[in-house]
Amino acid sequence: MADSYEILAALLKKVEAGELPEKKANMLKHLGGKVASGLPITEMQAELLEDLGQEYGLGSD
């Protein structure tokens, strides 16, 4: 299974392509900014990313 950072990167690509609803896209952009500034992904965020990844067909290696 892909790790949280890989799932986030893949979801952000979908955001850039306009494939996600605005509310989820904004949340992912915010999280991406936090990660880019050096903050780690929390356990709760990792679970959310895994759920979103499954919802959008990612992370199921």
Protein backbone atom coordinates (compact mmCIF):
# COMPACT_ATOMS: atom_id res chain seq x y z
CA MET A 1 0.00 0.00 0.00
CA ALA A 2 1.19 3.51 -0.80
CA ASP A 3 2.21 5.71 2.11
CA SER A 4 0.33 8.88 3.10
CA TYR A 5 2.75 11.19 1.28
CA GLU A 6 2.37 9.24 -1.97
CA ILE A 7 -1.43 9.26 -1.63
CA LEU A 8 -1.39 13.01 -0.94
CA ALA A 9 0.78 13.62 -4.03
CA ALA A 10 -1.54 11.54 -6.21
CA LEU A 11 -4.64 13.28 -4.82
CA LEU A 12 -3.04 16.69 -5.41
CA LYS A 13 -2.52 15.71 -9.07
CA LYS A 14 -6.25 14.98 -9.25
CA VAL A 15 -6.94 18.37 -7.64
CA GLU A 16 -4.79 20.10 -10.28
CA ALA A 17 -6.72 18.25 -12.98
CA GLY A 18 -10.03 19.44 -11.48
CA GLU A 19 -11.17 15.90 -10.69
CA LEU A 20 -12.18 16.44 -7.03
CA PRO A 21 -15.01 18.45 -5.44
CA GLU A 22 -13.99 21.96 -4.33
CA LYS A 23 -14.27 21.32 -0.58
CA LYS A 24 -12.02 18.24 -0.71
CA ALA A 25 -9.65 19.97 -3.11
CA ASN A 26 -9.25 22.93 -0.77
CA MET A 27 -8.59 20.65 2.21
CA LEU A 28 -5.96 18.72 0.25
CA LYS A 29 -4.27 21.93 -0.93
CA HIS A 30 -4.14 23.15 2.68
CA LEU A 31 -2.64 19.85 3.86
CA GLY A 32 -0.19 19.87 0.95
CA GLY A 33 0.98 23.32 2.01
CA LYS A 34 1.51 22.19 5.60
CA VAL A 35 3.51 19.16 4.45
CA ALA A 36 5.54 21.32 2.06
CA SER A 37 6.48 23.57 4.99
CA GLY A 38 7.87 20.57 6.85
CA LEU A 39 4.99 19.47 9.07
CA PRO A 40 4.40 15.71 9.26
CA ILE A 41 1.13 14.04 8.37
CA THR A 42 -0.72 13.10 11.57
CA GLU A 43 -2.31 9.70 12.14
CA MET A 44 -5.79 11.22 11.67
CA GLN A 45 -4.74 12.90 8.42
CA ALA A 46 -3.17 9.64 7.23
CA GLU A 47 -6.46 7.82 7.82
CA LEU A 48 -8.36 10.53 5.94
CA LEU A 49 -5.91 10.36 3.04
CA GLU A 50 -6.22 6.58 2.91
CA ASP A 51 -10.02 6.86 2.82
CA LEU A 52 -9.89 9.52 0.10
CA GLY A 53 -7.34 7.47 -1.83
CA GLN A 54 -9.66 4.47 -1.79
CA GLU A 55 -12.62 6.66 -2.75
CA TYR A 56 -10.72 7.98 -5.77
CA GLY A 57 -9.01 4.72 -6.75
CA LEU A 58 -5.57 5.23 -5.21
CA GLY A 59 -3.42 3.47 -2.63
CA SER A 60 -4.69 -0.05 -3.16
CA ASP A 61 -1.50 -1.80 -4.25
